[in-house]
Amino acid sequence: MRTNGNTAAGTAGTAAREDADMAVQERLVRTRGIELWTEEFGDPAHPPLLLIMGSMAPGPMWPDGLVGRIAAGGRRVIRYDHRDTGRSTACDFAAAPYTWVDIKDDVLGLLDALGIERAHLVGHSAGGLLAQWVAAERPERVATLTAIAASPLGRGEGEVLVRALMGEEQPSGSLPAPLPAFTELFAGAAAAPQPATRAELVELQVEAARVLHGTALPFDEEAQRRVEERLFDRARDPWAFGNHRRAAGAAPGCEPVGALGAVTAPTLVVEGSHEPVKPGHGARIAAEIAGARLHIVEGMGHTLPEEAHAELAELILAHTAAGPPA
């Protein structure tokens, strides 16, 4: 089960093409011994902006409408499938295990393969954590940083979730726990038999998306079901995304602690007012990065709903315009 459930996700940039007259290029990029599916929007001469999706989520979970708005604002927008998602390499984890350090290094490998020295990074959920990690470790590669619905790097988000699932009290100073609706969903999915068919996995993802969407905005179940069916059908191996969980278990303490002070890129942190997974985590990120700005999107949960696309695009375009050139 993904912890991202964005609605109105596309599969080949159709809506983005309709939103603006722009070039769209889809290709497989070879880097670090794997293939990563990428899709680029806009003028290649425009400043590059890399969209990094969250755990177990492919690139088209960045909704076409949002992507199109950003590209129409004068950015070379790139979205990609992580390893073990979508059309990127499906790994044999037993034969060649990896950790989240590798998923982070895939970001840099992709930039290298595309010939991009410096980019604006925009990450959602765990993708926001990856963007923080790259910005802390390789500040010269990051023009600006935008973290949406993310947790702060090195602050033990996974441990918070485990304690919540076990019904344990969170110690003083820990990150805020997920809302009960998310904890109940996660616990129920873990206790139930794992989905074995396309229909079962699609229904699980639809229910996850419903909770992640939050309670303030209407949720279109049928539209989400169509999204999940398209994502299942486009994947090399629609079951491989579970390797992201195995990667986390292989090295649970791999995130650097206290690294956010090394981030020099201008930073925008975005959180929804109805965030069910990481409530209040955005403020923690903003507190640890010098000069970071926190913006709350009213009504938004953990997804990127159509109602928020105009506001999100405006925020990202303004932030990347004000920062140093990529």
Protein backbone atom coordinates (compact mmCIF):
# COMPACT_ATOMS: atom_id res chain seq x y z
CA MET A 1 0.00 0.00 0.00
CA ARG A 2 1.38 3.38 -1.02
CA THR A 3 1.41 6.27 1.43
CA ASN A 4 0.74 8.58 -1.53
CA GLY A 5 -2.66 8.60 -3.19
CA ASN A 6 -2.80 11.57 -5.49
CA THR A 7 -5.92 11.96 -7.55
CA ALA A 8 -6.07 12.87 -11.24
CA ALA A 9 -2.62 11.47 -11.89
CA GLY A 10 -1.74 11.05 -15.55
CA THR A 11 0.14 8.36 -17.40
CA ALA A 12 1.61 10.10 -20.42
CA GLY A 13 1.27 13.83 -19.97
CA THR A 14 -2.04 14.16 -21.83
CA ALA A 15 -3.55 16.83 -19.57
CA ALA A 16 -0.26 18.70 -19.38
CA ARG A 17 -0.18 18.89 -23.18
CA GLU A 18 -3.71 20.27 -23.15
CA ASP A 19 -2.86 22.84 -20.47
CA ALA A 20 -0.06 24.39 -22.50
CA ASP A 21 1.53 24.18 -25.92
CA MET A 22 4.75 22.51 -24.86
CA ALA A 23 7.22 19.83 -25.81
CA VAL A 24 6.89 16.52 -23.97
CA GLN A 25 9.65 13.93 -24.09
CA GLU A 26 9.37 10.43 -22.59
CA ARG A 27 12.42 8.15 -22.33
CA LEU A 28 14.28 5.56 -20.31
CA VAL A 29 17.52 6.82 -18.80
CA ARG A 30 20.31 4.43 -17.80
CA THR A 31 22.07 5.29 -14.53
CA ARG A 32 23.74 3.41 -11.69
CA GLY A 33 23.02 0.05 -13.32
CA ILE A 34 19.25 0.57 -13.64
CA GLU A 35 16.77 2.22 -16.00
CA LEU A 36 14.66 5.14 -14.82
CA TRP A 37 11.60 6.20 -16.81
CA THR A 38 11.49 9.97 -17.23
CA GLU A 39 9.08 12.44 -18.78
CA GLU A 40 10.02 16.04 -19.53
CA PHE A 41 7.70 18.98 -20.14
CA GLY A 42 8.42 22.43 -21.51
CA ASP A 43 11.36 24.08 -23.22
CA PRO A 44 14.67 22.23 -22.58
CA ALA A 45 16.33 25.65 -22.36
CA HIS A 46 14.23 26.63 -19.35
CA PRO A 47 15.52 26.13 -15.78
CA PRO A 48 15.32 22.41 -14.87
CA LEU A 49 12.90 21.41 -12.10
CA LEU A 50 12.91 17.80 -10.89
CA LEU A 51 9.75 16.38 -9.30
CA ILE A 52 10.50 13.61 -6.78
CA MET A 53 7.55 11.44 -5.76
CA GLY A 54 7.19 9.59 -2.47
CA SER A 55 7.74 6.02 -1.35
CA MET A 56 6.31 3.29 -3.59
CA ALA A 57 4.85 5.92 -5.93
CA PRO A 58 5.61 6.38 -9.66
CA GLY A 59 6.21 9.69 -11.38
CA PRO A 60 2.70 10.12 -12.82
CA MET A 61 1.43 10.52 -9.27
CA TRP A 62 2.44 14.13 -9.94
CA PRO A 63 -0.88 15.19 -11.51
CA ASP A 64 -0.76 16.33 -15.11
CA GLY A 65 -2.67 19.51 -14.32
CA LEU A 66 -0.07 20.60 -11.77
CA VAL A 67 2.85 19.60 -13.99
CA GLY A 68 1.37 21.52 -16.93
CA ARG A 69 0.93 24.69 -14.90
CA ILE A 70 4.55 24.62 -13.71
CA ALA A 71 5.92 23.95 -17.19
CA ALA A 72 3.74 26.69 -18.69
CA GLY A 73 5.34 29.06 -16.18
CA GLY A 74 8.72 28.62 -17.84
CA ARG A 75 10.30 25.57 -16.26
CA ARG A 76 11.78 22.40 -17.78
CA VAL A 77 9.78 19.99 -15.61
CA ILE A 78 11.00 16.42 -15.18
CA ARG A 79 9.11 13.65 -13.40
CA TYR A 80 10.37 10.08 -13.13
CA ASP A 81 9.57 6.65 -11.81
CA HIS A 82 11.67 5.50 -8.87
CA ARG A 83 13.30 2.09 -9.21
CA ASP A 84 10.68 -0.62 -8.55
CA THR A 85 7.82 1.65 -9.61
CA GLY A 86 6.12 2.25 -12.93
CA ARG A 87 8.24 1.69 -16.03
CA SER A 88 11.61 1.87 -14.29
CA THR A 89 13.69 -1.22 -13.49
CA ALA A 90 11.97 -3.81 -11.33
CA CYS A 91 14.74 -5.13 -9.09
CA ASP A 92 15.36 -8.61 -7.75
CA PHE A 93 15.69 -7.49 -4.14
CA ALA A 94 16.79 -10.89 -2.83
CA ALA A 95 19.66 -11.03 -5.31
CA ALA A 96 20.62 -7.36 -5.13
CA PRO A 97 19.21 -5.64 -2.03
CA TYR A 98 19.38 -1.87 -1.72
CA THR A 99 18.55 0.83 0.81
CA TRP A 100 17.08 4.32 0.74
CA VAL A 101 20.61 5.63 0.30
CA ASP A 102 20.43 4.09 -3.19
CA ILE A 103 17.05 5.67 -3.90
CA LYS A 104 18.54 9.03 -2.85
CA ASP A 105 21.59 8.45 -5.04
CA ASP A 106 19.26 7.70 -7.97
CA VAL A 107 18.24 11.37 -7.83
CA LEU A 108 21.82 12.48 -8.39
CA GLY A 109 22.39 9.72 -10.94
CA LEU A 110 19.38 10.90 -12.93
CA LEU A 111 20.59 14.50 -12.92
CA ASP A 112 24.01 13.29 -14.12
CA ALA A 113 22.47 11.17 -16.89
CA LEU A 114 20.40 14.14 -18.07
CA GLY A 115 23.43 16.43 -18.05
CA ILE A 116 21.95 18.71 -15.38
CA GLU A 117 24.49 20.28 -13.03
CA ARG A 118 21.97 22.12 -10.87
CA ALA A 119 18.20 21.86 -10.56
CA HIS A 120 15.23 23.04 -8.58
CA LEU A 121 14.07 20.07 -6.48
CA VAL A 122 10.41 19.61 -5.58
CA GLY A 123 9.59 16.55 -3.48
CA HIS A 124 6.34 15.13 -2.15
CA SER A 125 6.13 13.00 1.02
CA ALA A 126 9.22 10.75 1.10
CA GLY A 127 10.27 12.53 -2.08
CA GLY A 128 10.46 15.69 -0.01
CA LEU A 129 12.75 13.89 2.41
CA LEU A 130 14.94 12.73 -0.50
CA ALA A 131 15.12 16.31 -1.77
CA GLN A 132 16.23 17.50 1.69
CA TRP A 133 18.86 14.76 1.77
CA VAL A 134 20.31 15.74 -1.60
CA ALA A 135 20.22 19.44 -0.68
CA ALA A 136 22.11 18.75 2.56
CA GLU A 137 24.64 16.40 1.01
CA ARG A 138 25.23 18.11 -2.34
CA PRO A 139 24.19 21.75 -1.93
CA GLU A 140 25.92 22.77 -5.15
CA ARG A 141 23.44 20.62 -7.13
CA VAL A 142 20.29 22.27 -5.72
CA ALA A 143 19.09 25.72 -6.84
CA THR A 144 15.99 25.71 -4.62
CA LEU A 145 14.26 23.15 -2.44
CA THR A 146 10.50 22.64 -2.09
CA ALA A 147 9.23 19.97 0.32
CA ILE A 148 5.51 19.14 0.19
CA ALA A 149 3.77 16.95 2.79
CA ALA A 150 7.17 15.77 4.01
CA SER A 151 8.91 14.88 7.27
CA PRO A 152 12.25 16.37 8.32
CA LEU A 153 15.35 14.43 7.40
CA GLY A 154 16.83 12.34 10.19
CA ARG A 155 14.00 12.78 12.70
CA GLY A 156 12.76 9.19 12.87
CA GLU A 157 9.43 9.37 11.08
CA GLY A 158 9.40 5.58 10.74
CA GLU A 159 9.81 5.13 14.50
CA VAL A 160 6.90 7.50 15.11
CA LEU A 161 4.67 5.36 12.88
CA VAL A 162 5.74 2.14 14.60
CA ARG A 163 4.94 3.58 18.03
CA ALA A 164 1.56 4.79 16.75
CA LEU A 165 0.76 1.33 15.38
CA MET A 166 1.76 -0.26 18.68
CA GLY A 167 -0.36 2.20 20.65
CA GLU A 168 2.70 3.53 22.45
CA GLU A 169 3.07 7.08 23.69
CA GLN A 170 5.34 9.31 21.64
CA PRO A 171 8.31 10.57 23.68
CA SER A 172 8.84 14.26 24.26
CA GLY A 173 10.41 15.96 21.26
CA SER A 174 9.37 13.34 18.70
CA LEU A 175 7.52 14.20 15.53
CA PRO A 176 3.71 14.39 15.78
CA ALA A 177 2.00 11.05 15.19
CA PRO A 178 -0.30 10.36 12.23
CA LEU A 179 -4.00 10.92 12.71
CA PRO A 180 -5.98 7.87 13.92
CA ALA A 181 -7.64 7.37 10.52
CA PHE A 182 -4.25 6.77 8.89
CA THR A 183 -2.97 4.57 11.72
CA GLU A 184 -6.10 2.41 11.53
CA LEU A 185 -5.77 2.09 7.75
CA PHE A 186 -2.12 1.10 7.98
CA ALA A 187 -2.71 -1.38 10.80
CA GLY A 188 -5.65 -2.95 9.00
CA ALA A 189 -3.69 -3.36 5.77
CA ALA A 190 -0.78 -4.93 7.64
CA ALA A 191 -3.03 -7.44 9.41
CA ALA A 192 -5.10 -8.41 6.37
CA PRO A 193 -4.06 -10.90 3.68
CA GLN A 194 -1.95 -9.17 1.07
CA PRO A 195 -3.72 -8.39 -2.21
CA ALA A 196 -3.16 -11.10 -4.80
CA THR A 197 -4.98 -9.73 -7.84
CA ARG A 198 -5.19 -6.50 -9.83
CA ALA A 199 -8.68 -5.82 -8.50
CA GLU A 200 -7.63 -6.35 -4.88
CA LEU A 201 -4.60 -4.09 -5.13
CA VAL A 202 -6.58 -1.38 -6.90
CA GLU A 203 -9.24 -1.39 -4.17
CA LEU A 204 -6.60 -1.19 -1.44
CA GLN A 205 -4.97 1.78 -3.12
CA VAL A 206 -8.34 3.51 -3.57
CA GLU A 207 -9.08 3.15 0.14
CA ALA A 208 -5.61 4.41 1.02
CA ALA A 209 -6.10 7.42 -1.26
CA ARG A 210 -9.42 8.19 0.42
CA VAL A 211 -7.74 8.49 3.84
CA LEU A 212 -4.68 10.31 2.52
CA HIS A 213 -6.89 12.81 0.71
CA GLY A 214 -8.13 14.17 4.04
CA THR A 215 -11.61 15.17 5.08
CA ALA A 216 -11.98 18.74 3.82
CA LEU A 217 -12.27 18.25 0.05
CA PRO A 218 -14.55 15.88 -1.89
CA PHE A 219 -13.01 12.56 -2.90
CA ASP A 220 -13.88 11.09 -6.31
CA GLU A 221 -13.72 7.33 -5.79
CA GLU A 222 -14.35 6.37 -9.41
CA ALA A 223 -11.74 8.77 -10.76
CA GLN A 224 -9.22 7.41 -8.27
CA ARG A 225 -10.06 3.84 -9.29
CA ARG A 226 -9.34 4.70 -12.93
CA VAL A 227 -6.01 6.24 -11.89
CA GLU A 228 -5.03 3.13 -9.94
CA GLU A 229 -5.98 0.84 -12.82
CA ARG A 230 -3.85 2.85 -15.25
CA LEU A 231 -0.90 2.86 -12.87
CA PHE A 232 -1.17 -0.91 -12.39
CA ASP A 233 -1.32 -1.53 -16.12
CA ARG A 234 1.64 0.69 -17.03
CA ALA A 235 4.04 -0.85 -14.51
CA ARG A 236 6.77 -3.30 -15.49
CA ASP A 237 5.97 -5.20 -12.31
CA PRO A 238 2.99 -3.77 -10.40
CA TRP A 239 4.02 -5.61 -7.23
CA ALA A 240 7.66 -4.46 -7.12
CA PHE A 241 6.90 -1.26 -5.18
CA GLY A 242 6.96 -3.32 -1.97
CA ASN A 243 10.74 -3.39 -2.31
CA HIS A 244 10.77 0.21 -1.05
CA ARG A 245 9.54 -1.09 2.30
CA ARG A 246 12.22 -3.80 2.24
CA ALA A 247 14.83 -1.13 1.48
CA ALA A 248 13.72 0.84 4.54
CA GLY A 249 13.97 -2.27 6.69
CA ALA A 250 17.43 -3.09 5.34
CA ALA A 251 18.91 0.10 6.82
CA PRO A 252 16.39 1.82 9.12
CA GLY A 253 18.94 4.28 10.49
CA CYS A 254 20.47 5.39 7.21
CA GLU A 255 19.19 8.98 7.27
CA PRO A 256 21.79 11.48 8.49
CA VAL A 257 20.86 13.19 11.76
CA GLY A 258 21.38 16.92 12.16
CA ALA A 259 22.12 17.44 8.46
CA LEU A 260 19.50 20.06 7.64
CA GLY A 261 21.76 22.82 8.87
CA ALA A 262 23.89 22.14 5.79
CA VAL A 263 21.07 23.08 3.43
CA THR A 264 21.89 26.36 1.71
CA ALA A 265 19.22 26.33 -1.01
CA PRO A 266 16.26 28.67 -0.53
CA THR A 267 13.58 26.40 0.93
CA LEU A 268 9.81 26.36 0.70
CA VAL A 269 7.87 23.93 2.91
CA VAL A 270 4.25 23.18 2.05
CA GLU A 271 1.74 21.30 4.20
CA GLY A 272 -2.00 20.80 3.95
CA SER A 273 -4.28 22.03 6.72
CA HIS A 274 -5.79 18.51 6.85
CA GLU A 275 -2.58 16.46 6.63
CA PRO A 276 -3.35 12.97 8.07
CA VAL A 277 0.09 11.32 7.81
CA LYS A 278 2.66 13.92 8.85
CA PRO A 279 0.67 16.63 10.67
CA GLY A 280 2.91 19.46 11.82
CA HIS A 281 6.03 17.97 10.26
CA GLY A 282 6.38 20.88 7.85
CA ALA A 283 6.96 23.31 10.70
CA ARG A 284 9.77 21.08 11.96
CA ILE A 285 11.50 21.20 8.56
CA ALA A 286 11.15 24.97 8.36
CA ALA A 287 12.59 25.35 11.87
CA GLU A 288 15.73 23.41 10.98
CA ILE A 289 16.61 25.06 7.65
CA ALA A 290 17.83 28.64 7.84
CA GLY A 291 15.48 31.04 6.08
CA ALA A 292 12.92 28.37 5.16
CA ARG A 293 9.33 29.47 4.63
CA LEU A 294 6.27 27.41 5.63
CA HIS A 295 3.01 27.67 3.67
CA ILE A 296 -0.24 25.93 4.67
CA VAL A 297 -2.66 25.00 1.88
CA GLU A 298 -6.19 25.16 3.22
CA GLY A 299 -8.19 21.94 2.77
CA MET A 300 -5.32 19.84 1.41
CA GLY A 301 -4.49 16.49 3.01
CA HIS A 302 -1.54 14.33 1.99
CA THR A 303 -2.40 14.27 -1.72
CA LEU A 304 -2.12 16.89 -4.46
CA PRO A 305 -5.79 17.55 -5.27
CA GLU A 306 -6.97 19.47 -8.30
CA GLU A 307 -8.37 22.19 -6.04
CA ALA A 308 -4.81 23.01 -4.92
CA HIS A 309 -3.03 22.91 -8.31
CA ALA A 310 -3.23 26.63 -9.04
CA GLU A 311 -2.00 27.57 -5.57
CA LEU A 312 0.80 25.00 -5.59
CA ALA A 313 1.99 25.99 -9.06
CA GLU A 314 2.00 29.67 -8.12
CA LEU A 315 4.00 28.93 -4.98
CA ILE A 316 6.56 26.79 -6.82
CA LEU A 317 6.97 29.23 -9.69
CA ALA A 318 7.43 32.20 -7.37
CA HIS A 319 9.87 30.32 -5.15
CA THR A 320 12.00 29.03 -8.03
CA ALA A 321 12.00 32.46 -9.70
CA ALA A 322 13.26 34.16 -6.54
CA GLY A 323 16.05 31.63 -5.94
CA PRO A 324 19.41 31.45 -7.72
CA PRO A 325 19.31 30.26 -11.34
CA ALA A 326 19.52 26.54 -12.03
